[in-house]
Protein backbone atom coordinates (compact mmCIF):
# COMPACT_ATOMS: atom_id res chain seq x y z
CA UNK A 1 0.00 0.00 0.00
CA UNK A 2 1.34 3.39 -0.95
CA UNK A 3 1.75 6.13 1.68
CA UNK A 4 3.48 9.50 1.53
CA UNK A 5 7.21 9.33 2.30
CA UNK A 6 6.95 11.45 5.45
CA UNK A 7 4.68 8.86 7.10
CA UNK A 8 7.26 6.07 6.83
CA UNK A 9 4.47 3.54 7.04
CA UNK A 10 3.56 4.54 10.62
CA UNK A 11 0.76 7.02 9.92
CA UNK A 12 2.76 10.08 10.82
CA UNK A 13 3.99 9.32 14.31
CA UNK A 14 0.99 7.50 15.70
CA UNK A 15 3.25 4.55 16.44
CA UNK A 16 3.84 6.11 19.87
CA UNK A 17 0.17 5.87 20.87
CA UNK A 18 0.29 2.21 22.00
CA UNK A 19 3.33 2.99 24.15
CA UNK A 20 1.57 5.98 25.74
CA UNK A 21 -1.50 3.80 26.26
CA UNK A 22 0.54 1.15 28.08
CA UNK A 23 2.14 3.77 30.31
CA UNK A 24 -1.23 5.30 31.16
CA UNK A 25 -2.70 1.85 31.88
CA UNK A 26 0.22 1.07 34.22
CA UNK A 27 -0.24 4.37 36.09
CA UNK A 28 -4.01 3.86 36.38
CA UNK A 29 -3.65 0.28 37.64
CA UNK A 30 -0.99 1.33 40.13
CA UNK A 31 -3.23 4.00 41.63
CA UNK A 32 -6.26 1.71 41.54
CA UNK A 33 -4.57 -1.14 43.42
CA UNK A 34 -2.95 1.22 45.92
CA UNK A 35 -6.38 2.72 46.55
CA UNK A 36 -7.84 -0.74 47.16
CA UNK A 37 -5.04 -1.76 49.51
CA UNK A 38 -5.20 1.53 51.48
CA UNK A 39 -1.50 1.44 52.29
CA UNK A 40 1.42 3.86 52.17
CA UNK A 41 -0.32 6.89 53.59
CA UNK A 42 -1.88 8.03 50.34
CA UNK A 43 -5.52 7.99 51.28
CA UNK A 44 -7.95 9.06 53.95
CA UNK A 45 -8.13 8.29 57.65
CA UNK A 46 -5.95 5.54 58.97
CA UNK A 47 -2.97 6.39 56.82
CA UNK A 48 -0.11 8.62 57.74
CA UNK A 49 1.17 10.02 61.03
CA UNK A 50 -1.78 12.37 61.61
CA UNK A 51 -4.56 9.95 60.78
CA UNK A 52 -7.97 10.87 62.13
CA UNK A 53 -7.09 14.51 62.66
CA UNK A 54 -4.80 13.87 65.65
CA UNK A 55 -1.21 14.83 65.96
CA UNK A 56 1.76 12.59 65.34
CA UNK A 57 2.76 10.31 68.20
CA UNK A 58 5.55 11.46 70.44
CA UNK A 59 8.71 9.37 70.65
CA UNK A 60 7.83 8.45 74.25
CA UNK A 61 4.41 7.17 73.17
CA UNK A 62 5.99 5.09 70.44
CA UNK A 63 8.50 3.62 72.90
CA UNK A 64 5.70 2.75 75.34
CA UNK A 65 3.70 1.12 72.57
CA UNK A 66 6.71 -0.95 71.53
CA UNK A 67 7.15 -2.04 75.15
CA UNK A 68 3.47 -2.99 75.37
CA UNK A 69 3.81 -5.15 72.25
CA UNK A 70 6.89 -6.83 73.74
CA UNK A 71 9.31 -5.53 71.12
CA UNK A 72 11.66 -4.02 73.71
CA UNK A 73 12.52 -4.86 77.31
CA UNK A 74 11.71 -2.74 80.35
CA UNK A 75 15.34 -1.67 80.62
CA UNK A 76 15.31 -0.52 77.00
CA UNK A 77 12.11 1.44 77.62
CA UNK A 78 13.52 3.14 80.72
CA UNK A 79 16.71 4.01 78.87
CA UNK A 80 14.78 5.46 75.92
CA UNK A 81 12.57 7.54 78.20
CA UNK A 82 15.61 8.79 80.11
CA UNK A 83 17.35 9.80 76.88
CA UNK A 84 14.20 11.54 75.65
CA UNK A 85 13.87 13.54 78.86
CA UNK A 86 17.40 14.93 78.54
C-alpha atoms as a PDB file:
ATOM      1  CA  UNK A   1       0.000   0.000   0.000  1.00  0.00           C
ATOM      2  CA  UNK A   2       1.338   3.393  -0.953  1.00  0.00           C
ATOM      3  CA  UNK A   3       1.750   6.134   1.675  1.00  0.00           C
ATOM      4  CA  UNK A   4       3.478   9.505   1.525  1.00  0.00           C
ATOM      5  CA  UNK A   5       7.205   9.326   2.297  1.00  0.00           C
ATOM      6  CA  UNK A   6       6.945  11.447   5.446  1.00  0.00           C
ATOM      7  CA  UNK A   7       4.678   8.859   7.098  1.00  0.00           C
ATOM      8  CA  UNK A   8       7.260   6.074   6.835  1.00  0.00           C
ATOM      9  CA  UNK A   9       4.469   3.539   7.037  1.00  0.00           C
ATOM     10  CA  UNK A  10       3.559   4.540  10.620  1.00  0.00           C
ATOM     11  CA  UNK A  11       0.755   7.021   9.921  1.00  0.00           C
ATOM     12  CA  UNK A  12       2.761  10.083  10.816  1.00  0.00           C
ATOM     13  CA  UNK A  13       3.991   9.322  14.313  1.00  0.00           C
ATOM     14  CA  UNK A  14       0.987   7.504  15.697  1.00  0.00           C
ATOM     15  CA  UNK A  15       3.251   4.545  16.443  1.00  0.00           C
ATOM     16  CA  UNK A  16       3.837   6.106  19.872  1.00  0.00           C
ATOM     17  CA  UNK A  17       0.171   5.874  20.874  1.00  0.00           C
ATOM     18  CA  UNK A  18       0.293   2.208  22.003  1.00  0.00           C
ATOM     19  CA  UNK A  19       3.326   2.992  24.148  1.00  0.00           C
ATOM     20  CA  UNK A  20       1.570   5.981  25.739  1.00  0.00           C
ATOM     21  CA  UNK A  21      -1.501   3.798  26.259  1.00  0.00           C
ATOM     22  CA  UNK A  22       0.539   1.148  28.083  1.00  0.00           C
ATOM     23  CA  UNK A  23       2.143   3.771  30.313  1.00  0.00           C
ATOM     24  CA  UNK A  24      -1.228   5.298  31.156  1.00  0.00           C
ATOM     25  CA  UNK A  25      -2.698   1.855  31.884  1.00  0.00           C
ATOM     26  CA  UNK A  26       0.224   1.074  34.218  1.00  0.00           C
ATOM     27  CA  UNK A  27      -0.238   4.367  36.087  1.00  0.00           C
ATOM     28  CA  UNK A  28      -4.010   3.860  36.377  1.00  0.00           C
ATOM     29  CA  UNK A  29      -3.654   0.282  37.643  1.00  0.00           C
ATOM     30  CA  UNK A  30      -0.986   1.326  40.131  1.00  0.00           C
ATOM     31  CA  UNK A  31      -3.228   4.002  41.629  1.00  0.00           C
ATOM     32  CA  UNK A  32      -6.255   1.711  41.543  1.00  0.00           C
ATOM     33  CA  UNK A  33      -4.566  -1.137  43.422  1.00  0.00           C
ATOM     34  CA  UNK A  34      -2.952   1.222  45.917  1.00  0.00           C
ATOM     35  CA  UNK A  35      -6.383   2.715  46.551  1.00  0.00           C
ATOM     36  CA  UNK A  36      -7.842  -0.738  47.159  1.00  0.00           C
ATOM     37  CA  UNK A  37      -5.044  -1.757  49.509  1.00  0.00           C
ATOM     38  CA  UNK A  38      -5.202   1.534  51.479  1.00  0.00           C
ATOM     39  CA  UNK A  39      -1.504   1.439  52.290  1.00  0.00           C
ATOM     40  CA  UNK A  40       1.419   3.858  52.168  1.00  0.00           C
ATOM     41  CA  UNK A  41      -0.315   6.887  53.588  1.00  0.00           C
ATOM     42  CA  UNK A  42      -1.875   8.026  50.336  1.00  0.00           C
ATOM     43  CA  UNK A  43      -5.521   7.993  51.276  1.00  0.00           C
ATOM     44  CA  UNK A  44      -7.954   9.058  53.950  1.00  0.00           C
ATOM     45  CA  UNK A  45      -8.128   8.291  57.650  1.00  0.00           C
ATOM     46  CA  UNK A  46      -5.950   5.543  58.969  1.00  0.00           C
ATOM     47  CA  UNK A  47      -2.974   6.386  56.823  1.00  0.00           C
ATOM     48  CA  UNK A  48      -0.114   8.620  57.738  1.00  0.00           C
ATOM     49  CA  UNK A  49       1.168  10.019  61.025  1.00  0.00           C
ATOM     50  CA  UNK A  50      -1.777  12.371  61.608  1.00  0.00           C
ATOM     51  CA  UNK A  51      -4.563   9.947  60.776  1.00  0.00           C
ATOM     52  CA  UNK A  52      -7.969  10.868  62.134  1.00  0.00           C
ATOM     53  CA  UNK A  53      -7.087  14.515  62.664  1.00  0.00           C
ATOM     54  CA  UNK A  54      -4.805  13.872  65.646  1.00  0.00           C
ATOM     55  CA  UNK A  55      -1.211  14.830  65.959  1.00  0.00           C
ATOM     56  CA  UNK A  56       1.763  12.591  65.336  1.00  0.00           C
ATOM     57  CA  UNK A  57       2.762  10.306  68.199  1.00  0.00           C
ATOM     58  CA  UNK A  58       5.551  11.458  70.443  1.00  0.00           C
ATOM     59  CA  UNK A  59       8.711   9.367  70.648  1.00  0.00           C
ATOM     60  CA  UNK A  60       7.830   8.448  74.246  1.00  0.00           C
ATOM     61  CA  UNK A  61       4.406   7.168  73.175  1.00  0.00           C
ATOM     62  CA  UNK A  62       5.991   5.095  70.435  1.00  0.00           C
ATOM     63  CA  UNK A  63       8.496   3.617  72.902  1.00  0.00           C
ATOM     64  CA  UNK A  64       5.702   2.753  75.344  1.00  0.00           C
ATOM     65  CA  UNK A  65       3.700   1.121  72.575  1.00  0.00           C
ATOM     66  CA  UNK A  66       6.714  -0.952  71.528  1.00  0.00           C
ATOM     67  CA  UNK A  67       7.149  -2.044  75.151  1.00  0.00           C
ATOM     68  CA  UNK A  68       3.467  -2.988  75.373  1.00  0.00           C
ATOM     69  CA  UNK A  69       3.808  -5.150  72.251  1.00  0.00           C
ATOM     70  CA  UNK A  70       6.887  -6.829  73.738  1.00  0.00           C
ATOM     71  CA  UNK A  71       9.307  -5.535  71.119  1.00  0.00           C
ATOM     72  CA  UNK A  72      11.664  -4.020  73.708  1.00  0.00           C
ATOM     73  CA  UNK A  73      12.523  -4.860  77.306  1.00  0.00           C
ATOM     74  CA  UNK A  74      11.708  -2.743  80.347  1.00  0.00           C
ATOM     75  CA  UNK A  75      15.340  -1.674  80.624  1.00  0.00           C
ATOM     76  CA  UNK A  76      15.312  -0.515  77.005  1.00  0.00           C
ATOM     77  CA  UNK A  77      12.108   1.441  77.620  1.00  0.00           C
ATOM     78  CA  UNK A  78      13.517   3.135  80.715  1.00  0.00           C
ATOM     79  CA  UNK A  79      16.714   4.007  78.867  1.00  0.00           C
ATOM     80  CA  UNK A  80      14.785   5.457  75.924  1.00  0.00           C
ATOM     81  CA  UNK A  81      12.573   7.541  78.199  1.00  0.00           C
ATOM     82  CA  UNK A  82      15.606   8.785  80.114  1.00  0.00           C
ATOM     83  CA  UNK A  83      17.352   9.796  76.878  1.00  0.00           C
ATOM     84  CA  UNK A  84      14.195  11.539  75.648  1.00  0.00           C
ATOM     85  CA  UNK A  85      13.873  13.539  78.862  1.00  0.00           C
ATOM     86  CA  UNK A  86      17.397  14.932  78.536  1.00  0.00           C
END
